[in-house]
Amino acid sequence: MHVLVATAETQGERPDDYSYTVEGELVRFAHDVCDCPDCGCDRGVAGLSSSRATTTFMVKDAPNLALDHYVQAIRDALLREGWLSEGEDDSWVVALAKLQADLAAEYEPGTILGVKSRAVMVRK
């Protein structure tokens, strides 16, 4: 299975880059993007461990990670951050994990990606 992880590679190539995540941690796409043009949430992904954001992430092969464990990692982060409550319908979390796994599967491991206004682009 391919997954998305935080990376500092290509950081600083764009003037609006930022990286506050832990190198190599699993990341997730934002499920909500605000209207503030200065925020940066439209171009970042969140680290599952650090709950911090970055504008660059990498495709990584994780052959020992099963989809249900990937879903649980995303769910746990969202619960910890307050974006999800125990017992709440979390079918969207499963859909998010599948979307990310499917997207990651389209690229070779090591591909650096970025996101802008919900569009994913190859950075390197």
N, C-alpha and C. Protein backbone atom coordinates (compact mmCIF):
# COMPACT_ATOMS: atom_id res chain seq x y z
N MET A 1 0.85 -1.17 0.00
CA MET A 1 0.00 0.00 0.00
C MET A 1 0.90 1.24 0.00
N HIS A 2 0.53 2.21 -0.80
CA HIS A 2 1.23 3.49 -0.80
C HIS A 2 0.47 4.46 0.10
N VAL A 3 1.22 5.28 0.82
CA VAL A 3 0.64 6.27 1.71
C VAL A 3 1.32 7.61 1.48
N LEU A 4 0.81 8.63 2.12
CA LEU A 4 1.37 9.98 2.03
C LEU A 4 2.02 10.33 3.36
N VAL A 5 3.26 10.82 3.29
CA VAL A 5 4.00 11.19 4.49
C VAL A 5 4.58 12.59 4.34
N ALA A 6 4.78 13.25 5.47
CA ALA A 6 5.37 14.59 5.47
C ALA A 6 6.82 14.53 5.01
N THR A 7 7.23 15.56 4.28
CA THR A 7 8.63 15.68 3.87
C THR A 7 9.01 17.16 3.79
N ALA A 8 10.27 17.42 4.06
CA ALA A 8 10.79 18.78 3.91
C ALA A 8 11.41 18.98 2.53
N GLU A 9 11.47 17.91 1.75
CA GLU A 9 12.04 18.04 0.39
C GLU A 9 11.22 19.03 -0.41
N THR A 10 11.88 19.84 -1.15
CA THR A 10 11.35 20.93 -2.00
C THR A 10 10.80 22.09 -1.18
N GLN A 11 10.88 22.04 0.16
CA GLN A 11 10.44 23.16 0.98
C GLN A 11 11.24 24.40 0.63
N GLY A 12 10.56 25.51 0.50
CA GLY A 12 11.20 26.78 0.20
C GLY A 12 11.29 27.09 -1.28
N GLU A 13 10.93 26.14 -2.12
CA GLU A 13 10.94 26.41 -3.56
C GLU A 13 9.84 27.37 -3.95
N ARG A 14 8.78 27.41 -3.15
CA ARG A 14 7.70 28.35 -3.38
C ARG A 14 7.63 29.31 -2.20
N PRO A 15 7.32 30.57 -2.44
CA PRO A 15 7.33 31.54 -1.34
C PRO A 15 6.28 31.27 -0.26
N ASP A 16 5.24 30.51 -0.58
CA ASP A 16 4.20 30.25 0.41
C ASP A 16 4.35 28.87 1.07
N ASP A 17 5.52 28.24 0.95
CA ASP A 17 5.77 26.95 1.60
C ASP A 17 5.84 27.10 3.12
N TYR A 18 5.44 26.05 3.80
CA TYR A 18 5.65 25.95 5.25
C TYR A 18 5.70 24.48 5.62
N SER A 19 6.40 24.18 6.71
CA SER A 19 6.50 22.80 7.18
C SER A 19 6.71 22.80 8.69
N TYR A 20 5.72 22.29 9.40
CA TYR A 20 5.77 22.19 10.86
C TYR A 20 5.58 20.74 11.32
N THR A 21 5.55 19.83 10.39
CA THR A 21 5.33 18.41 10.69
C THR A 21 6.63 17.72 11.06
N VAL A 22 6.50 16.45 11.42
CA VAL A 22 7.65 15.59 11.69
C VAL A 22 7.96 14.84 10.40
N GLU A 23 9.20 14.89 9.97
CA GLU A 23 9.62 14.23 8.74
C GLU A 23 9.19 12.76 8.76
N GLY A 24 8.45 12.35 7.73
CA GLY A 24 8.06 10.95 7.57
C GLY A 24 6.76 10.55 8.23
N GLU A 25 6.13 11.45 8.98
CA GLU A 25 4.86 11.07 9.61
C GLU A 25 3.74 11.00 8.57
N LEU A 26 2.77 10.13 8.80
CA LEU A 26 1.60 10.05 7.93
C LEU A 26 0.86 11.38 7.96
N VAL A 27 0.29 11.77 6.83
CA VAL A 27 -0.47 13.01 6.74
C VAL A 27 -1.87 12.73 6.21
N ARG A 28 -2.73 13.72 6.39
CA ARG A 28 -4.09 13.63 5.86
C ARG A 28 -4.45 14.97 5.23
N PHE A 29 -5.34 14.89 4.24
CA PHE A 29 -5.85 16.11 3.63
C PHE A 29 -6.80 16.80 4.61
N ALA A 30 -6.89 18.09 4.48
CA ALA A 30 -7.85 18.85 5.28
C ALA A 30 -9.25 18.47 4.84
N HIS A 31 -10.13 18.28 5.79
CA HIS A 31 -11.51 17.96 5.44
C HIS A 31 -12.36 19.22 5.39
N ASP A 32 -11.79 20.33 5.82
CA ASP A 32 -12.49 21.60 5.78
C ASP A 32 -11.45 22.69 5.47
N VAL A 33 -11.76 23.55 4.54
CA VAL A 33 -10.86 24.64 4.16
C VAL A 33 -11.60 25.95 4.36
N CYS A 34 -10.96 26.88 5.05
CA CYS A 34 -11.61 28.17 5.34
C CYS A 34 -11.49 29.12 4.14
N ASP A 35 -12.11 30.28 4.28
CA ASP A 35 -12.12 31.29 3.22
C ASP A 35 -11.00 32.32 3.35
N CYS A 36 -10.22 32.24 4.42
CA CYS A 36 -9.18 33.25 4.66
C CYS A 36 -8.01 33.04 3.70
N PRO A 37 -7.69 34.06 2.88
CA PRO A 37 -6.60 33.90 1.91
C PRO A 37 -5.22 33.81 2.55
N ASP A 38 -5.08 34.23 3.81
CA ASP A 38 -3.79 34.22 4.50
C ASP A 38 -3.56 32.96 5.33
N CYS A 39 -4.55 32.09 5.44
CA CYS A 39 -4.49 30.95 6.34
C CYS A 39 -3.49 29.87 5.90
N GLY A 40 -3.59 29.42 4.67
CA GLY A 40 -2.71 28.36 4.18
C GLY A 40 -3.32 26.98 4.25
N CYS A 41 -4.53 26.84 4.81
CA CYS A 41 -5.13 25.51 4.92
C CYS A 41 -5.51 24.94 3.55
N ASP A 42 -5.61 25.79 2.54
CA ASP A 42 -5.95 25.31 1.19
C ASP A 42 -4.74 24.71 0.47
N ARG A 43 -3.54 24.81 1.06
CA ARG A 43 -2.36 24.28 0.40
C ARG A 43 -1.54 23.35 1.30
N GLY A 44 -2.12 22.94 2.43
CA GLY A 44 -1.39 22.10 3.35
C GLY A 44 -2.09 20.80 3.67
N VAL A 45 -1.33 19.88 4.23
CA VAL A 45 -1.84 18.62 4.76
C VAL A 45 -1.41 18.55 6.22
N ALA A 46 -2.15 17.78 7.03
CA ALA A 46 -1.88 17.71 8.46
C ALA A 46 -1.19 16.41 8.82
N GLY A 47 -0.20 16.50 9.69
CA GLY A 47 0.48 15.32 10.21
C GLY A 47 -0.40 14.60 11.22
N LEU A 48 -0.47 13.27 11.12
CA LEU A 48 -1.31 12.51 12.03
C LEU A 48 -0.74 12.47 13.45
N SER A 49 0.56 12.52 13.58
CA SER A 49 1.18 12.48 14.91
C SER A 49 1.31 13.87 15.52
N SER A 50 1.82 14.81 14.75
CA SER A 50 2.11 16.15 15.27
C SER A 50 0.90 17.07 15.27
N SER A 51 -0.10 16.77 14.45
CA SER A 51 -1.26 17.65 14.25
C SER A 51 -0.83 19.01 13.72
N ARG A 52 0.31 19.05 13.05
CA ARG A 52 0.84 20.26 12.44
C ARG A 52 0.74 20.11 10.92
N ALA A 53 1.02 21.15 10.19
CA ALA A 53 0.81 21.14 8.74
C ALA A 53 2.09 21.34 7.95
N THR A 54 2.01 20.93 6.68
CA THR A 54 3.10 21.12 5.73
C THR A 54 2.53 21.28 4.33
N THR A 55 3.28 21.93 3.46
CA THR A 55 2.85 22.08 2.07
C THR A 55 3.48 21.02 1.17
N THR A 56 4.36 20.19 1.71
CA THR A 56 4.98 19.14 0.90
C THR A 56 4.81 17.78 1.56
N PHE A 57 4.50 16.80 0.73
CA PHE A 57 4.37 15.44 1.23
C PHE A 57 4.82 14.49 0.15
N MET A 58 5.16 13.28 0.57
CA MET A 58 5.79 12.30 -0.32
C MET A 58 4.99 11.00 -0.33
N VAL A 59 5.02 10.33 -1.45
CA VAL A 59 4.45 9.00 -1.56
C VAL A 59 5.46 8.00 -1.01
N LYS A 60 4.99 7.13 -0.13
CA LYS A 60 5.86 6.13 0.48
C LYS A 60 5.19 4.77 0.40
N ASP A 61 5.96 3.75 0.12
CA ASP A 61 5.44 2.39 0.13
C ASP A 61 5.42 1.90 1.57
N ALA A 62 4.27 1.44 2.02
CA ALA A 62 4.10 0.91 3.37
C ALA A 62 3.48 -0.48 3.26
N PRO A 63 4.28 -1.48 2.87
CA PRO A 63 3.72 -2.81 2.59
C PRO A 63 3.10 -3.50 3.79
N ASN A 64 3.47 -3.11 5.00
CA ASN A 64 2.93 -3.77 6.19
C ASN A 64 1.75 -3.02 6.81
N LEU A 65 1.31 -1.94 6.16
CA LEU A 65 0.19 -1.17 6.67
C LEU A 65 -1.08 -1.57 5.93
N ALA A 66 -2.07 -2.04 6.67
CA ALA A 66 -3.36 -2.42 6.10
C ALA A 66 -4.28 -1.20 6.09
N LEU A 67 -5.23 -1.20 5.18
CA LEU A 67 -6.15 -0.06 5.05
C LEU A 67 -6.89 0.20 6.36
N ASP A 68 -7.32 -0.83 7.07
CA ASP A 68 -8.06 -0.59 8.31
C ASP A 68 -7.18 0.08 9.37
N HIS A 69 -5.88 -0.21 9.37
CA HIS A 69 -4.98 0.47 10.30
C HIS A 69 -4.75 1.92 9.88
N TYR A 70 -4.71 2.16 8.58
CA TYR A 70 -4.58 3.52 8.05
C TYR A 70 -5.80 4.35 8.44
N VAL A 71 -6.99 3.76 8.29
CA VAL A 71 -8.23 4.42 8.69
C VAL A 71 -8.18 4.75 10.17
N GLN A 72 -7.74 3.79 10.99
CA GLN A 72 -7.69 4.00 12.43
C GLN A 72 -6.71 5.11 12.80
N ALA A 73 -5.59 5.19 12.12
CA ALA A 73 -4.62 6.25 12.40
C ALA A 73 -5.22 7.62 12.10
N ILE A 74 -5.94 7.74 11.00
CA ILE A 74 -6.60 9.00 10.66
C ILE A 74 -7.69 9.30 11.68
N ARG A 75 -8.50 8.29 12.00
CA ARG A 75 -9.58 8.46 12.98
C ARG A 75 -9.02 8.93 14.33
N ASP A 76 -7.96 8.28 14.80
CA ASP A 76 -7.38 8.64 16.09
C ASP A 76 -6.91 10.09 16.11
N ALA A 77 -6.27 10.53 15.01
CA ALA A 77 -5.81 11.92 14.93
C ALA A 77 -6.99 12.89 14.97
N LEU A 78 -8.03 12.59 14.23
CA LEU A 78 -9.20 13.47 14.19
C LEU A 78 -9.91 13.52 15.54
N LEU A 79 -9.97 12.40 16.23
CA LEU A 79 -10.56 12.38 17.58
C LEU A 79 -9.73 13.23 18.53
N ARG A 80 -8.42 13.04 18.51
CA ARG A 80 -7.52 13.78 19.39
C ARG A 80 -7.59 15.29 19.13
N GLU A 81 -7.75 15.67 17.86
CA GLU A 81 -7.78 17.08 17.49
C GLU A 81 -9.15 17.73 17.67
N GLY A 82 -10.17 16.92 17.95
CA GLY A 82 -11.51 17.46 18.16
C GLY A 82 -12.34 17.61 16.90
N TRP A 83 -11.87 17.07 15.78
CA TRP A 83 -12.63 17.14 14.52
C TRP A 83 -13.68 16.04 14.43
N LEU A 84 -13.60 15.09 15.34
CA LEU A 84 -14.49 13.92 15.34
C LEU A 84 -14.79 13.60 16.79
N SER A 85 -16.01 13.12 17.05
CA SER A 85 -16.40 12.71 18.40
C SER A 85 -16.66 11.22 18.43
N GLU A 86 -16.41 10.60 19.57
CA GLU A 86 -16.71 9.17 19.74
C GLU A 86 -18.18 8.93 19.40
N GLY A 87 -18.44 7.87 18.65
CA GLY A 87 -19.80 7.50 18.31
C GLY A 87 -20.38 8.25 17.11
N GLU A 88 -19.70 9.30 16.66
CA GLU A 88 -20.16 10.07 15.51
C GLU A 88 -19.99 9.24 14.24
N ASP A 89 -20.89 9.43 13.27
CA ASP A 89 -20.74 8.75 11.98
C ASP A 89 -19.41 9.17 11.36
N ASP A 90 -18.53 8.20 11.17
CA ASP A 90 -17.21 8.51 10.63
C ASP A 90 -16.96 7.81 9.30
N SER A 91 -18.01 7.56 8.57
CA SER A 91 -17.85 6.93 7.26
C SER A 91 -17.00 7.79 6.34
N TRP A 92 -17.01 9.08 6.55
CA TRP A 92 -16.19 9.98 5.73
C TRP A 92 -14.71 9.77 6.00
N VAL A 93 -14.35 9.29 7.18
CA VAL A 93 -12.95 9.01 7.50
C VAL A 93 -12.46 7.83 6.66
N VAL A 94 -13.30 6.81 6.54
CA VAL A 94 -12.97 5.65 5.70
C VAL A 94 -12.81 6.11 4.25
N ALA A 95 -13.72 6.97 3.79
CA ALA A 95 -13.64 7.48 2.42
C ALA A 95 -12.37 8.31 2.22
N LEU A 96 -11.97 9.09 3.21
CA LEU A 96 -10.76 9.89 3.12
C LEU A 96 -9.52 8.99 3.02
N ALA A 97 -9.47 7.97 3.86
CA ALA A 97 -8.33 7.04 3.83
C ALA A 97 -8.24 6.33 2.48
N LYS A 98 -9.38 5.89 1.95
CA LYS A 98 -9.39 5.23 0.64
C LYS A 98 -8.97 6.20 -0.47
N LEU A 99 -9.47 7.43 -0.40
CA LEU A 99 -9.10 8.45 -1.39
C LEU A 99 -7.60 8.67 -1.38
N GLN A 100 -7.02 8.82 -0.20
CA GLN A 100 -5.59 9.06 -0.08
C GLN A 100 -4.79 7.85 -0.55
N ALA A 101 -5.21 6.65 -0.20
CA ALA A 101 -4.51 5.44 -0.63
C ALA A 101 -4.58 5.30 -2.15
N ASP A 102 -5.75 5.56 -2.71
CA ASP A 102 -5.91 5.48 -4.16
C ASP A 102 -5.05 6.52 -4.87
N LEU A 103 -5.02 7.73 -4.33
CA LEU A 103 -4.19 8.79 -4.91
C LEU A 103 -2.72 8.41 -4.83
N ALA A 104 -2.27 7.96 -3.68
CA ALA A 104 -0.87 7.58 -3.50
C ALA A 104 -0.48 6.45 -4.45
N ALA A 105 -1.41 5.55 -4.72
CA ALA A 105 -1.14 4.42 -5.60
C ALA A 105 -0.87 4.84 -7.04
N GLU A 106 -1.27 6.05 -7.39
CA GLU A 106 -1.06 6.56 -8.75
C GLU A 106 0.37 7.01 -8.99
N TYR A 107 1.18 7.12 -7.93
CA TYR A 107 2.53 7.65 -8.04
C TYR A 107 3.56 6.66 -7.52
N GLU A 108 4.77 6.82 -8.01
CA GLU A 108 5.89 6.01 -7.54
C GLU A 108 6.32 6.50 -6.15
N PRO A 109 6.76 5.59 -5.30
CA PRO A 109 7.32 6.02 -4.02
C PRO A 109 8.45 7.03 -4.25
N GLY A 110 8.50 8.04 -3.41
CA GLY A 110 9.50 9.09 -3.54
C GLY A 110 8.99 10.32 -4.27
N THR A 111 7.83 10.23 -4.90
CA THR A 111 7.25 11.38 -5.59
C THR A 111 6.82 12.42 -4.56
N ILE A 112 7.27 13.66 -4.77
CA ILE A 112 6.91 14.75 -3.87
C ILE A 112 5.68 15.45 -4.44
N LEU A 113 4.68 15.64 -3.58
CA LEU A 113 3.42 16.25 -3.99
C LEU A 113 3.13 17.50 -3.18
N GLY A 114 2.22 18.29 -3.69
CA GLY A 114 1.70 19.45 -2.99
C GLY A 114 0.22 19.57 -3.32
N VAL A 115 -0.46 20.44 -2.64
CA VAL A 115 -1.89 20.63 -2.88
C VAL A 115 -2.19 22.13 -2.87
N LYS A 116 -3.09 22.53 -3.74
CA LYS A 116 -3.52 23.93 -3.80
C LYS A 116 -4.99 23.94 -4.17
N SER A 117 -5.82 24.47 -3.29
CA SER A 117 -7.26 24.53 -3.51
C SER A 117 -7.82 23.16 -3.88
N ARG A 118 -7.41 22.15 -3.15
CA ARG A 118 -7.87 20.76 -3.29
C ARG A 118 -7.36 20.06 -4.55
N ALA A 119 -6.47 20.68 -5.29
CA ALA A 119 -5.86 20.04 -6.46
C ALA A 119 -4.45 19.57 -6.08
N VAL A 120 -4.19 18.30 -6.32
CA VAL A 120 -2.88 17.73 -6.00
C VAL A 120 -1.97 17.87 -7.21
N MET A 121 -0.72 18.25 -6.93
CA MET A 121 0.23 18.44 -8.03
C MET A 121 1.57 17.81 -7.66
N VAL A 122 2.28 17.36 -8.68
CA VAL A 122 3.63 16.83 -8.47
C VAL A 122 4.58 18.00 -8.33
N ARG A 123 5.37 17.96 -7.29
CA ARG A 123 6.39 19.00 -7.08
C ARG A 123 7.75 18.52 -7.51
N LYS A 124 7.97 17.21 -7.45
CA LYS A 124 9.27 16.67 -7.86
C LYS A 124 9.10 15.19 -8.15
